[in-house]
Amino acid sequence: MQFIPAYSNGQEPFGSSYVSDAAYYPGVTPTSAADFAICKLYTSLGTNIGYMGNVAYYSDTSYTNGTVTFGDVIYDPGTLSGEFPVFNDVTVLNVVDNGNAKLLESIPINLENGGSGILWTDDPTYGDAVAGVFSGLEQTKAGAEDAGWAGGPLMVTLISWGWANY
């Protein structure tokens, strides 16, 4: 798998690297609260472009009370062939709390044919930080469709493990 930060229309403004190793929690199903992984790159790119922080809140209301704003960056194969990043404001509507893993539910994002993305926040305390990764679309109890973002303290723990071991 190749990682290309800020990829847009065939351009690699910060270079790219292939993944040499990955770590994740086994037995995870799509749209679960722990549906995330970290990847080690053959060539480090962060020393040239910087590193985005990561954040998790233990209180579910921290995600939903409006004091922290969220946005996403997605690559959708159904929109311009996935060649351009799409940016959206995101409102977290509900948190499915599985202990240290949290599935953050928002209004559905337009992903016609799969796709991937991150949920980020411009937290007043922590600055720009990853708060989750796109896990999938799911049916709610009312029959509507929500986007599920996997995150929470378990994600931050995995990232911390990666810093120590990769």
Foldseek 3Di string as FASTA:
>chain_A
DKDAPQFAQNDRPQDIFDFDDKDADPPDDFLDQRPDIDTDTPDDRCVPVHDAAADADPDFVVQAVPLWWKKKWKQACVPPNSRHIDIGTWHFDGWDDPDQGIKTWTADDDRPDDIWMFMWICHPVRGIHTAFIWRAWDADPVRHIITITHGGRVNVVNVVVVVVPD
